[in-house]
Amino acid sequence: MAVVALTAAALVAGTGVGLGLWASAGDGASEGPAAASTGDRAEGSDEAAGTTPGDSPSPTRSYPLSKAPRTIPAVREHTAERGPGWRPARGHRVVVDDPALADEGRLIAGELGLTYAGEKNDEKTGDLRLVLNRDAGANPESYTMTVRGGRVTVSGPAEAGVFYGTRTLKQAVKGAGTAPEGVVRDAPAKPRRGLSLDIARKHYTADWIEDRIRELGDLKFNELGLHFSDDQGFRIESDSHPEVVSREHLTKAQVKRIVDLARSRHITVVPEIDSPGHLGAVIAAHPDLQLRSTGGGAVRGAIDISKEKSARIVDDLLEEYAGLFPGSQWHLGGDEYQALVVSDPEASFPGLAAAARERYGSGATVEDLTTGWLNDRAATVRAKGRTPRAWNDGFFRGGSVKAAKDIQVAYWTGKEIGARQPVEYLAEGRKVVNYNDEFLYYVLGEPLTFTYPTGQRIYEQWTPRVLRGTTAVPERYDAQILGGSFAIWGDLPRAQTQEQVAAGIRMPLRATVQKLWDPGRPELSWTEFRALADRLG
């Protein structure tokens, strides 16, 4: 984190003088930072001891230089100034310059116990003003927070940035009681900052998911992935195919509330109906679509992609849920199709091989047919205005059929048959989202070689460029890495309760978003970061 201080105050900062935490209340407050007198007042002096939090700063009072607010993720730039800072008090207002910011204004007003006053042109001491500057060339998630003269202004080019500024203010007040004088200029390094939740193998209540959305919003995450279809369950109500839905599921009304709450926190809900593997719940209702090997053996979770009905059912579901999930992103899955984990797919699945040759020519393979399936599903969601995403093991080297260029790579593993290094995807020009399973996978019950990830390991060793294992890809590919997502998987769903999951992911989530907001070396040690997280709640 780069903290920019006023040059003239370098000696003051070096003395260790603390930040004065007096509120500035009342219309008689100073309109700017208090002027320095012949000496800076140290905390604990007679003058400081006689000051109450409600006093207004006087023209003769001096303050030490402020320090950057301590937040998660850390702010990237703070210009220090002299002044008392700002703390919320009864009667202080939240005002907005644009009705589009009403939701952000009402939320922060309720959180800090302020009065939401709507659009106002006058200025009063204690005001928190939210401003849209509509700078078309700026990062829409950037913001500036100015604390000066007994007031706070949070401005940004879009609503998302202003919202993040209010999260910084909320954390600053909660952690230190006061937002420090000065100017924060902040923006995330990566545009995709997510949590992916497997609700197919473990059912989570709507209330629990909503609690996670509130937590994610305060931490400046902007994606929640919902993997709601797998072999063990299909967990969202369906009108087009009610026969596939599991007994325990979310209703569409519940999902709508989840999506609406997420939107209010500037979080996109990214749905995932994984195919052509992981479709066991759909196959249970349609056994005629089960993929079978040449010996007649059923292939677990795998749908027969040579059958027209297979594509029709999956497309029915994709089109139906496009109306429920209005966000711009869509995850198509594409991983672990069991037809491709055998040594000779063409010999083991002659029906798939024949369908591949019929569609793509005499030399086509089962891999080609599988890539064609992915492209067709991408076309279905693309027609609904969505950007498709798929797991990296759904992309294959060589072959006569190539995955569409706009399908983003969700890179999670390098353990699959024919595993490709992350650089191969990047060298093709593909955009990648980092789900590195060695750092970001919270797999219930810790099956196979998985262990619960620790926040410390993420904080100290991972960056968005560490896509596979522990080695970062070259820096020249950084712009193609859109961000990352922490992921919770329910392989052994009874291994932990919902409450245990929430507690287990608490510090890993905070470490993940810190590195997505600013991949550089954090200023705080892990011990300090953990203590800050405890203080902020």
Protein backbone atom coordinates (compact mmCIF):
# COMPACT_ATOMS: atom_id res chain seq x y z
CA MET A 1 0.00 0.00 0.00
CA ALA A 2 1.41 3.39 -0.97
CA VAL A 3 0.68 6.08 1.59
CA VAL A 4 1.35 9.59 0.39
CA ALA A 5 2.07 12.12 3.15
CA LEU A 6 2.57 15.87 3.07
CA THR A 7 6.27 16.48 2.59
CA ALA A 8 6.49 19.29 5.10
CA ALA A 9 5.31 17.00 7.87
CA ALA A 10 7.87 14.25 7.49
CA LEU A 11 9.52 15.09 10.80
CA VAL A 12 6.19 15.08 12.58
CA ALA A 13 5.32 11.66 11.20
CA GLY A 14 8.70 10.40 12.33
CA THR A 15 8.13 11.45 15.93
CA GLY A 16 5.46 8.78 16.41
CA VAL A 17 2.81 11.36 17.32
CA GLY A 18 -0.58 9.60 17.15
CA LEU A 19 -3.68 10.67 15.31
CA GLY A 20 -6.02 12.94 17.19
CA LEU A 21 -9.44 11.32 17.30
CA TRP A 22 -11.70 14.26 18.11
CA ALA A 23 -15.01 14.63 16.34
CA SER A 24 -15.86 17.90 14.63
CA ALA A 25 -19.48 18.66 15.47
CA GLY A 26 -21.46 21.84 15.11
CA ASP A 27 -21.66 24.51 12.40
CA GLY A 28 -18.74 26.40 13.86
CA ALA A 29 -16.21 23.78 12.89
CA SER A 30 -13.15 24.67 10.87
CA GLU A 31 -13.62 24.57 7.08
CA GLY A 32 -10.21 22.98 6.51
CA PRO A 33 -7.32 21.25 8.23
CA ALA A 34 -6.28 23.03 11.40
CA ALA A 35 -3.20 25.17 10.88
CA ALA A 36 0.04 24.07 12.50
CA SER A 37 1.21 26.24 15.40
CA THR A 38 4.70 26.53 16.80
CA GLY A 39 4.68 22.92 17.92
CA ASP A 40 2.61 19.80 17.46
CA ARG A 41 0.57 18.74 20.44
CA ALA A 42 1.39 15.21 21.58
CA GLU A 43 -1.39 12.94 22.73
CA GLY A 44 -1.64 12.93 26.49
CA SER A 45 -0.73 16.65 26.87
CA ASP A 46 -2.76 18.93 29.11
CA GLU A 47 -4.57 20.44 26.14
CA ALA A 48 -5.48 17.05 24.75
CA ALA A 49 -6.62 15.82 28.12
CA GLY A 50 -9.06 18.72 28.38
CA THR A 51 -10.63 18.09 24.99
CA THR A 52 -13.88 16.24 24.67
CA PRO A 53 -14.93 14.31 21.56
CA GLY A 54 -17.75 16.77 20.83
CA ASP A 55 -15.52 19.89 20.74
CA SER A 56 -15.15 21.79 17.46
CA PRO A 57 -11.60 22.44 16.30
CA SER A 58 -10.46 26.00 16.89
CA PRO A 59 -8.24 28.03 14.57
CA THR A 60 -5.35 27.77 17.01
CA ARG A 61 -5.50 24.02 17.56
CA SER A 62 -2.90 21.92 15.81
CA TYR A 63 -3.02 18.24 15.02
CA PRO A 64 -0.44 15.65 14.10
CA LEU A 65 -0.50 14.36 10.56
CA SER A 66 -3.17 11.77 10.02
CA LYS A 67 -2.42 8.15 9.22
CA ALA A 68 -4.09 6.04 6.57
CA PRO A 69 -7.23 4.24 7.72
CA ARG A 70 -6.70 0.57 8.51
CA THR A 71 -9.08 -1.42 6.34
CA ILE A 72 -9.44 -4.80 4.61
CA PRO A 73 -8.48 -4.62 1.84
CA ALA A 74 -5.97 -1.87 2.60
CA VAL A 75 -6.43 1.46 0.84
CA ARG A 76 -3.83 1.96 -1.85
CA GLU A 77 -3.12 5.67 -1.37
CA HIS A 78 -3.71 8.15 1.41
CA THR A 79 -2.63 11.79 1.48
CA ALA A 80 -2.17 12.78 5.10
CA GLU A 81 -3.46 16.09 6.48
CA ARG A 82 -3.71 17.77 9.87
CA GLY A 83 -7.11 17.78 11.44
CA PRO A 84 -9.42 16.03 13.86
CA GLY A 85 -10.86 13.57 11.38
CA TRP A 86 -14.55 12.69 11.33
CA ARG A 87 -16.73 10.51 13.43
CA PRO A 88 -20.46 9.96 13.13
CA ALA A 89 -22.73 11.73 15.57
CA ARG A 90 -26.44 12.14 16.12
CA GLY A 91 -27.83 14.68 13.67
CA HIS A 92 -25.14 14.20 11.04
CA ARG A 93 -26.57 13.76 7.55
CA VAL A 94 -25.89 11.59 4.55
CA VAL A 95 -26.59 13.58 1.39
CA VAL A 96 -26.23 12.57 -2.26
CA ASP A 97 -25.77 14.54 -5.46
CA ASP A 98 -27.55 11.98 -7.62
CA PRO A 99 -30.64 9.86 -6.92
CA ALA A 100 -28.75 6.84 -8.26
CA LEU A 101 -26.82 6.84 -4.97
CA ALA A 102 -29.89 6.58 -2.77
CA ASP A 103 -29.31 2.91 -1.95
CA GLU A 104 -25.69 3.52 -0.99
CA GLY A 105 -26.71 6.55 1.05
CA ARG A 106 -29.45 4.78 2.97
CA LEU A 107 -27.22 1.80 3.70
CA ILE A 108 -24.32 3.75 5.18
CA ALA A 109 -26.70 6.04 7.07
CA GLY A 110 -28.27 3.04 8.77
CA GLU A 111 -24.91 1.48 9.52
CA LEU A 112 -23.44 4.61 11.12
CA GLY A 113 -26.62 5.90 12.78
CA LEU A 114 -26.88 8.98 10.56
CA THR A 115 -29.87 10.70 8.98
CA TYR A 116 -30.39 10.04 5.28
CA ALA A 117 -31.33 13.45 3.84
CA GLY A 118 -31.35 12.65 0.12
CA GLU A 119 -30.33 15.28 -2.43
CA LYS A 120 -29.17 18.51 -0.79
CA ASN A 121 -27.11 21.41 -2.06
CA ASP A 122 -26.34 23.02 1.29
CA GLU A 123 -23.41 21.99 3.45
CA LYS A 124 -23.40 21.30 7.16
CA THR A 125 -20.66 20.24 9.49
CA GLY A 126 -20.74 16.49 9.97
CA ASP A 127 -22.16 15.78 6.52
CA LEU A 128 -21.25 12.67 4.60
CA ARG A 129 -21.74 13.54 0.93
CA LEU A 130 -21.82 10.91 -1.83
CA VAL A 131 -20.98 12.17 -5.30
CA LEU A 132 -21.04 10.68 -8.81
CA ASN A 133 -18.41 12.43 -10.92
CA ARG A 134 -19.19 10.24 -13.97
CA ASP A 135 -15.62 10.25 -15.27
CA ALA A 136 -16.04 7.98 -18.28
CA GLY A 137 -12.33 7.21 -18.51
CA ALA A 138 -11.84 6.13 -14.92
CA ASN A 139 -12.03 2.71 -13.31
CA PRO A 140 -15.72 2.42 -12.34
CA GLU A 141 -14.70 0.77 -9.06
CA SER A 142 -12.36 3.59 -8.06
CA TYR A 143 -13.25 6.23 -5.49
CA THR A 144 -11.89 9.19 -3.57
CA MET A 145 -12.72 9.75 0.09
CA THR A 146 -11.95 13.22 1.42
CA VAL A 147 -12.12 13.93 5.15
CA ARG A 148 -11.71 17.63 5.77
CA GLY A 149 -13.34 20.49 7.62
CA GLY A 150 -15.62 18.31 9.69
CA ARG A 151 -17.16 16.62 6.65
CA VAL A 152 -16.61 13.57 4.45
CA THR A 153 -17.05 13.38 0.69
CA VAL A 154 -16.97 10.07 -1.14
CA SER A 155 -16.87 10.45 -4.91
CA GLY A 156 -16.49 8.03 -7.79
CA PRO A 157 -17.16 7.64 -11.50
CA ALA A 158 -19.84 5.01 -10.87
CA GLU A 159 -22.05 3.73 -8.08
CA ALA A 160 -19.75 0.79 -7.37
CA GLY A 161 -16.80 3.03 -6.55
CA VAL A 162 -18.89 5.20 -4.25
CA PHE A 163 -20.15 2.08 -2.50
CA TYR A 164 -16.57 0.91 -1.90
CA GLY A 165 -15.75 4.31 -0.47
CA THR A 166 -18.54 3.89 2.06
CA ARG A 167 -17.08 0.48 2.99
CA THR A 168 -13.76 2.15 3.70
CA LEU A 169 -15.48 4.77 5.83
CA LYS A 170 -17.46 2.13 7.74
CA GLN A 171 -14.32 0.13 8.51
CA ALA A 172 -12.32 3.20 9.49
CA VAL A 173 -14.96 4.25 11.99
CA LYS A 174 -15.43 0.74 13.35
CA GLY A 175 -11.71 0.12 13.73
CA ALA A 176 -10.53 3.46 15.12
CA GLY A 177 -13.67 5.39 15.98
CA THR A 178 -12.76 8.09 13.50
CA ALA A 179 -12.06 8.47 9.79
CA PRO A 180 -8.68 10.20 9.57
CA GLU A 181 -8.25 13.62 8.00
CA GLY A 182 -6.94 13.57 4.46
CA VAL A 183 -7.68 12.02 1.09
CA VAL A 184 -7.94 8.34 0.16
CA ARG A 185 -7.60 7.46 -3.51
CA ASP A 186 -8.32 3.83 -4.10
CA ALA A 187 -9.11 1.28 -6.81
CA PRO A 188 -8.81 -2.49 -7.16
CA ALA A 189 -6.05 -4.09 -9.18
CA LYS A 190 -8.37 -6.83 -10.45
CA PRO A 191 -11.96 -6.53 -11.74
CA ARG A 192 -13.06 -10.06 -10.67
CA ARG A 193 -13.02 -10.72 -6.92
CA GLY A 194 -15.19 -13.66 -6.06
CA LEU A 195 -16.43 -16.40 -3.79
CA SER A 196 -17.70 -19.57 -5.48
CA LEU A 197 -20.15 -21.65 -3.46
CA ASP A 198 -21.12 -25.27 -4.19
CA ILE A 199 -24.78 -25.40 -3.16
CA ALA A 200 -25.40 -28.57 -5.19
CA ARG A 201 -23.58 -31.06 -2.96
CA LYS A 202 -24.34 -29.21 0.27
CA HIS A 203 -27.58 -27.29 0.70
CA TYR A 204 -27.11 -23.84 2.27
CA THR A 205 -30.02 -21.80 3.55
CA ALA A 206 -30.95 -18.55 1.87
CA ASP A 207 -30.26 -16.68 5.12
CA TRP A 208 -26.73 -18.07 5.28
CA ILE A 209 -26.04 -17.07 1.69
CA GLU A 210 -27.39 -13.57 2.36
CA ASP A 211 -25.08 -13.25 5.36
CA ARG A 212 -22.14 -14.12 3.13
CA ILE A 213 -23.24 -11.46 0.62
CA ARG A 214 -23.19 -8.81 3.35
CA GLU A 215 -19.73 -10.01 4.39
CA LEU A 216 -18.48 -10.01 0.80
CA GLY A 217 -19.85 -6.53 0.18
CA ASP A 218 -18.07 -5.06 3.17
CA LEU A 219 -14.83 -6.64 1.92
CA LYS A 220 -15.26 -5.25 -1.62
CA PHE A 221 -15.77 -8.61 -3.34
CA ASN A 222 -17.89 -8.30 -6.47
CA GLU A 223 -18.82 -11.87 -7.47
CA LEU A 224 -20.71 -14.74 -5.90
CA GLY A 225 -20.64 -17.96 -7.91
CA LEU A 226 -23.44 -20.48 -7.33
CA HIS A 227 -22.65 -24.02 -8.50
CA PHE A 228 -26.17 -25.39 -8.13
CA SER A 229 -26.23 -28.53 -10.28
CA ASP A 230 -24.10 -31.63 -9.74
CA ASP A 231 -24.36 -35.38 -9.29
CA GLN A 232 -25.67 -35.01 -5.74
CA GLY A 233 -28.32 -32.40 -6.28
CA PHE A 234 -30.02 -29.69 -8.32
CA ARG A 235 -30.80 -26.92 -5.88
CA ILE A 236 -32.87 -24.19 -7.53
CA GLU A 237 -36.56 -24.37 -8.40
CA SER A 238 -37.22 -24.96 -12.11
CA ASP A 239 -40.34 -24.39 -14.19
CA SER A 240 -38.99 -25.92 -17.39
CA HIS A 241 -37.77 -29.14 -15.76
CA PRO A 242 -39.19 -29.48 -12.23
CA GLU A 243 -38.38 -33.20 -12.31
CA VAL A 244 -34.64 -32.53 -11.88
CA VAL A 245 -34.95 -30.40 -8.72
CA SER A 246 -33.83 -31.89 -5.38
CA ARG A 247 -36.04 -31.95 -2.31
CA GLU A 248 -33.84 -29.41 -0.52
CA HIS A 249 -33.53 -26.41 -2.80
CA LEU A 250 -33.84 -22.66 -3.05
CA THR A 251 -37.08 -21.28 -4.43
CA LYS A 252 -36.95 -18.73 -7.22
CA ALA A 253 -38.31 -16.15 -4.78
CA GLN A 254 -35.37 -16.84 -2.46
CA VAL A 255 -32.90 -16.61 -5.33
CA LYS A 256 -34.43 -13.31 -6.42
CA ARG A 257 -33.88 -11.90 -2.93
CA ILE A 258 -30.30 -13.18 -3.00
CA VAL A 259 -29.69 -11.59 -6.40
CA ASP A 260 -31.31 -8.31 -5.33
CA LEU A 261 -29.25 -8.15 -2.13
CA ALA A 262 -26.09 -8.91 -4.10
CA ARG A 263 -26.92 -6.20 -6.63
CA SER A 264 -27.32 -3.67 -3.81
CA ARG A 265 -23.76 -4.56 -2.75
CA HIS A 266 -22.48 -4.42 -6.36
CA ILE A 267 -21.97 -8.17 -6.43
CA THR A 268 -22.72 -10.16 -9.58
CA VAL A 269 -24.19 -13.61 -8.95
CA VAL A 270 -22.58 -16.00 -11.44
CA PRO A 271 -24.65 -19.17 -11.99
CA GLU A 272 -23.09 -22.48 -12.95
CA ILE A 273 -24.86 -25.47 -14.47
CA ASP A 274 -21.88 -27.73 -15.06
CA SER A 275 -21.99 -29.86 -18.22
CA PRO A 276 -21.44 -32.29 -19.87
CA GLY A 277 -20.12 -33.87 -16.66
CA HIS A 278 -21.48 -33.40 -13.13
CA LEU A 279 -25.07 -33.79 -14.35
CA GLY A 280 -26.05 -36.73 -12.15
CA ALA A 281 -29.12 -35.01 -10.73
CA VAL A 282 -30.44 -34.33 -14.24
CA ILE A 283 -29.61 -37.87 -15.38
CA ALA A 284 -31.46 -39.33 -12.37
CA ALA A 285 -34.66 -37.84 -13.82
CA HIS A 286 -33.67 -38.72 -17.41
CA PRO A 287 -31.79 -42.04 -17.29
CA ASP A 288 -32.01 -42.40 -21.06
CA LEU A 289 -29.43 -39.59 -21.30
CA GLN A 290 -26.78 -41.43 -19.25
CA LEU A 291 -23.52 -41.91 -21.12
CA ARG A 292 -22.61 -45.59 -21.40
CA SER A 293 -19.37 -47.21 -22.44
CA THR A 294 -19.03 -49.82 -25.17
CA GLY A 295 -19.70 -52.52 -22.59
CA GLY A 296 -22.91 -50.84 -21.47
CA GLY A 297 -21.50 -49.51 -18.19
CA ALA A 298 -23.02 -46.24 -16.93
CA VAL A 299 -20.58 -43.36 -16.64
CA ARG A 300 -21.27 -41.45 -13.44
CA GLY A 301 -22.47 -37.89 -13.92
CA ALA A 302 -21.79 -37.86 -17.66
CA ILE A 303 -24.53 -37.02 -20.15
CA ASP A 304 -24.48 -38.50 -23.65
CA ILE A 305 -23.63 -35.49 -25.78
CA SER A 306 -24.39 -37.34 -29.01
CA LYS A 307 -28.11 -37.15 -28.21
CA GLU A 308 -30.10 -34.12 -29.27
CA LYS A 309 -32.28 -34.37 -26.16
CA SER A 310 -29.21 -33.83 -23.93
CA ALA A 311 -28.52 -30.46 -25.50
CA ARG A 312 -32.19 -29.51 -25.45
CA ILE A 313 -32.59 -30.07 -21.70
CA VAL A 314 -29.42 -28.22 -20.77
CA ASP A 315 -30.29 -25.32 -23.05
CA ASP A 316 -33.81 -25.21 -21.58
CA LEU A 317 -32.26 -24.74 -18.14
CA LEU A 318 -29.69 -22.17 -19.30
CA GLU A 319 -32.39 -20.10 -20.98
CA GLU A 320 -34.74 -20.37 -18.02
CA TYR A 321 -32.20 -19.21 -15.46
CA ALA A 322 -31.00 -16.34 -17.64
CA GLY A 323 -34.13 -14.56 -16.46
CA LEU A 324 -33.32 -15.26 -12.81
CA PHE A 325 -29.64 -14.27 -12.94
CA PRO A 326 -29.34 -10.94 -14.78
CA GLY A 327 -25.58 -10.52 -14.30
CA SER A 328 -23.14 -10.37 -17.20
CA GLN A 329 -21.21 -13.56 -16.35
CA TRP A 330 -22.10 -17.25 -16.79
CA HIS A 331 -20.10 -20.33 -15.78
CA LEU A 332 -20.60 -23.34 -18.09
CA GLY A 333 -18.46 -25.82 -16.15
CA GLY A 334 -16.96 -28.16 -18.74
CA ASP A 335 -14.68 -30.04 -16.33
CA GLU A 336 -14.09 -33.72 -15.64
CA TYR A 337 -16.15 -35.22 -18.46
CA GLN A 338 -15.53 -38.88 -17.72
CA ALA A 339 -15.53 -39.91 -21.39
CA LEU A 340 -12.15 -38.21 -21.65
CA VAL A 341 -10.39 -39.78 -18.65
CA VAL A 342 -9.89 -43.16 -20.36
CA SER A 343 -6.86 -44.04 -22.47
CA ASP A 344 -8.82 -44.37 -25.74
CA PRO A 345 -12.11 -42.40 -25.72
CA GLU A 346 -12.94 -43.35 -29.31
CA ALA A 347 -12.72 -47.07 -28.53
CA SER A 348 -14.54 -46.80 -25.21
CA PHE A 349 -17.35 -44.60 -26.54
CA PRO A 350 -17.92 -45.43 -30.20
CA GLY A 351 -21.24 -43.57 -30.23
CA LEU A 352 -19.51 -40.33 -29.31
CA ALA A 353 -16.75 -41.00 -31.83
CA ALA A 354 -19.31 -41.56 -34.59
CA ALA A 355 -21.15 -38.37 -33.70
CA ALA A 356 -17.86 -36.44 -33.79
CA ARG A 357 -17.00 -37.72 -37.28
CA GLU A 358 -20.49 -37.03 -38.55
CA ARG A 359 -20.41 -33.45 -37.36
CA TYR A 360 -16.77 -32.45 -37.82
CA GLY A 361 -15.28 -34.82 -40.40
CA SER A 362 -13.44 -38.12 -40.60
CA GLY A 363 -10.58 -37.19 -38.30
CA ALA A 364 -12.67 -35.71 -35.50
CA THR A 365 -12.36 -37.04 -31.96
CA VAL A 366 -14.43 -37.22 -28.77
CA GLU A 367 -12.47 -34.17 -27.58
CA ASP A 368 -13.71 -32.29 -30.66
CA LEU A 369 -17.30 -33.29 -29.92
CA THR A 370 -16.89 -32.15 -26.30
CA THR A 371 -15.44 -28.82 -27.40
CA GLY A 372 -18.36 -28.42 -29.79
CA TRP A 373 -20.74 -29.03 -26.87
CA LEU A 374 -19.02 -26.27 -24.88
CA ASN A 375 -19.22 -23.88 -27.85
CA ASP A 376 -22.91 -24.60 -28.31
CA ARG A 377 -23.68 -23.89 -24.66
CA ALA A 378 -21.58 -20.72 -24.88
CA ALA A 379 -23.71 -19.65 -27.85
CA THR A 380 -26.86 -20.20 -25.77
CA VAL A 381 -25.74 -17.87 -22.96
CA ARG A 382 -24.04 -15.44 -25.33
CA ALA A 383 -27.41 -14.92 -27.01
CA LYS A 384 -28.66 -13.79 -23.59
CA GLY A 385 -25.90 -11.20 -23.33
CA ARG A 386 -23.67 -13.23 -21.02
CA THR A 387 -19.90 -13.72 -21.08
CA PRO A 388 -19.15 -17.47 -20.83
CA ARG A 389 -16.59 -19.04 -18.49
CA ALA A 390 -15.42 -22.67 -18.23
CA TRP A 391 -13.00 -24.74 -16.17
CA ASN A 392 -9.53 -25.06 -17.65
CA ASP A 393 -9.79 -28.86 -18.13
CA GLY A 394 -12.64 -28.22 -20.55
CA PHE A 395 -10.13 -26.72 -23.02
CA PHE A 396 -7.98 -29.14 -25.01
CA ARG A 397 -4.66 -28.96 -26.83
CA GLY A 398 -4.84 -29.57 -30.57
CA GLY A 399 -7.93 -30.99 -32.20
CA SER A 400 -9.93 -29.75 -35.15
CA VAL A 401 -12.48 -27.85 -33.02
CA LYS A 402 -11.31 -24.92 -30.89
CA ALA A 403 -13.11 -23.41 -27.93
CA ALA A 404 -14.63 -20.01 -28.77
CA LYS A 405 -12.22 -17.17 -28.09
CA ASP A 406 -14.56 -15.33 -25.72
CA ILE A 407 -14.89 -18.25 -23.28
CA GLN A 408 -12.88 -17.22 -20.24
CA VAL A 409 -10.72 -19.80 -18.48
CA ALA A 410 -11.51 -20.60 -14.85
CA TYR A 411 -8.12 -22.07 -13.97
CA TRP A 412 -8.31 -24.45 -11.02
CA THR A 413 -5.97 -27.40 -11.50
CA GLY A 414 -3.07 -28.91 -13.35
CA LYS A 415 -3.73 -32.50 -12.30
CA GLU A 416 -6.00 -33.63 -15.14
CA ILE A 417 -4.99 -35.98 -17.97
CA GLY A 418 -3.13 -33.94 -20.58
CA ALA A 419 -2.80 -31.00 -18.18
CA ARG A 420 -1.72 -27.77 -19.81
CA GLN A 421 0.38 -25.09 -18.19
CA PRO A 422 -1.46 -21.79 -17.52
CA VAL A 423 0.84 -19.99 -19.93
CA GLU A 424 -0.63 -22.00 -22.82
CA TYR A 425 -4.07 -20.45 -22.27
CA LEU A 426 -2.57 -17.00 -21.81
CA ALA A 427 -0.41 -17.31 -24.92
CA GLU A 428 -3.60 -18.02 -26.90
CA GLY A 429 -4.82 -14.60 -25.77
CA ARG A 430 -7.44 -15.98 -23.39
CA LYS A 431 -8.64 -14.16 -20.30
CA VAL A 432 -8.28 -16.14 -17.10
CA VAL A 433 -9.87 -16.13 -13.64
CA ASN A 434 -7.71 -17.67 -10.92
CA TYR A 435 -9.26 -20.50 -8.82
CA ASN A 436 -5.90 -22.13 -7.90
CA ASP A 437 -6.88 -25.29 -6.00
CA GLU A 438 -3.66 -25.28 -3.97
CA PHE A 439 -4.55 -21.98 -2.31
CA LEU A 440 -8.21 -21.13 -2.91
CA TYR A 441 -10.10 -24.45 -2.58
CA TYR A 442 -12.00 -25.10 0.65
CA VAL A 443 -13.11 -28.71 0.13
CA LEU A 444 -15.33 -30.06 2.89
CA GLY A 445 -13.87 -33.11 4.60
CA GLU A 446 -10.43 -32.59 2.99
CA PRO A 447 -10.67 -35.55 0.56
CA LEU A 448 -7.82 -36.74 -1.66
CA THR A 449 -4.89 -34.36 -1.14
CA PHE A 450 -6.94 -31.29 -0.21
CA THR A 451 -6.40 -29.45 3.06
CA TYR A 452 -8.34 -26.45 4.32
CA PRO A 453 -6.55 -23.33 3.06
CA THR A 454 -5.20 -20.84 5.54
CA GLY A 455 -5.45 -17.11 5.25
CA GLN A 456 -1.79 -16.79 6.15
CA ARG A 457 -0.62 -18.89 3.22
CA ILE A 458 -2.77 -16.90 0.78
CA TYR A 459 -1.64 -13.62 2.32
CA GLU A 460 2.06 -14.43 2.25
CA GLN A 461 2.51 -16.65 -0.83
CA TRP A 462 -0.34 -16.21 -3.34
CA THR A 463 -0.98 -13.53 -5.96
CA PRO A 464 -3.36 -13.52 -8.95
CA ARG A 465 -0.44 -14.53 -11.17
CA VAL A 466 0.02 -17.77 -9.19
CA LEU A 467 -2.43 -19.80 -11.26
CA ARG A 468 -1.06 -23.29 -10.74
CA GLY A 469 0.97 -24.61 -7.84
CA THR A 470 3.11 -21.90 -6.28
CA THR A 471 4.81 -20.41 -9.36
CA ALA A 472 3.67 -17.12 -10.87
CA VAL A 473 3.25 -16.74 -14.61
CA PRO A 474 5.32 -14.01 -16.29
CA GLU A 475 4.26 -10.44 -15.54
CA ARG A 476 3.51 -9.75 -19.22
CA TYR A 477 0.32 -11.80 -18.81
CA ASP A 478 -0.95 -9.91 -15.80
CA ALA A 479 -3.59 -7.91 -17.68
CA GLN A 480 -5.17 -11.14 -19.01
CA ILE A 481 -5.72 -12.42 -15.47
CA LEU A 482 -9.02 -10.82 -14.58
CA GLY A 483 -8.87 -11.74 -10.91
CA GLY A 484 -9.68 -14.73 -8.78
CA SER A 485 -12.22 -16.59 -6.73
CA PHE A 486 -12.08 -18.44 -3.45
CA ALA A 487 -14.16 -21.63 -3.74
CA ILE A 488 -16.10 -23.78 -1.28
CA TRP A 489 -16.80 -27.35 -2.42
CA GLY A 490 -19.13 -29.84 -0.71
CA ASP A 491 -17.43 -33.14 -1.49
CA LEU A 492 -18.19 -34.44 2.03
CA PRO A 493 -21.11 -32.18 2.88
CA ARG A 494 -21.59 -33.33 6.48
CA ALA A 495 -17.97 -32.68 7.41
CA GLN A 496 -18.85 -29.15 8.53
CA THR A 497 -21.97 -27.24 9.45
CA GLN A 498 -22.84 -23.95 7.77
CA GLU A 499 -21.53 -22.13 10.84
CA GLN A 500 -18.22 -24.01 10.71
CA VAL A 501 -17.85 -23.19 7.02
CA ALA A 502 -18.43 -19.48 7.72
CA ALA A 503 -15.80 -19.53 10.46
CA GLY A 504 -13.34 -21.54 8.38
CA ILE A 505 -13.42 -19.22 5.37
CA ARG A 506 -13.32 -16.00 7.38
CA MET A 507 -9.59 -15.27 7.24
CA PRO A 508 -8.97 -16.91 3.83
CA LEU A 509 -11.62 -14.58 2.34
CA ARG A 510 -9.94 -11.54 3.83
CA ALA A 511 -6.51 -12.60 2.64
CA THR A 512 -7.84 -13.35 -0.86
CA VAL A 513 -9.48 -9.97 -1.35
CA GLN A 514 -6.39 -8.17 -0.02
CA LYS A 515 -4.29 -9.77 -2.76
CA LEU A 516 -6.91 -9.17 -5.47
CA TRP A 517 -7.25 -5.51 -4.49
CA ASP A 518 -3.48 -5.03 -4.29
CA PRO A 519 -1.23 -7.96 -5.31
CA GLY A 520 1.87 -6.26 -3.89
CA ARG A 521 3.54 -7.15 -0.62
CA PRO A 522 1.15 -6.11 2.16
CA GLU A 523 2.30 -3.47 4.61
CA LEU A 524 0.97 -5.36 7.63
CA SER A 525 2.42 -8.62 8.87
CA TRP A 526 0.05 -11.57 9.04
CA THR A 527 -0.23 -11.15 12.82
CA GLU A 528 -1.14 -7.49 12.37
CA PHE A 529 -3.58 -8.30 9.57
CA ARG A 530 -5.33 -10.93 11.67
CA ALA A 531 -5.59 -8.53 14.62
CA LEU A 532 -7.09 -5.90 12.30
CA ALA A 533 -9.63 -8.43 11.04
CA ASP A 534 -10.62 -9.20 14.62
CA ARG A 535 -11.02 -5.50 15.38
CA LEU A 536 -13.14 -4.87 12.28
CA GLY A 537 -15.32 -7.93 12.87
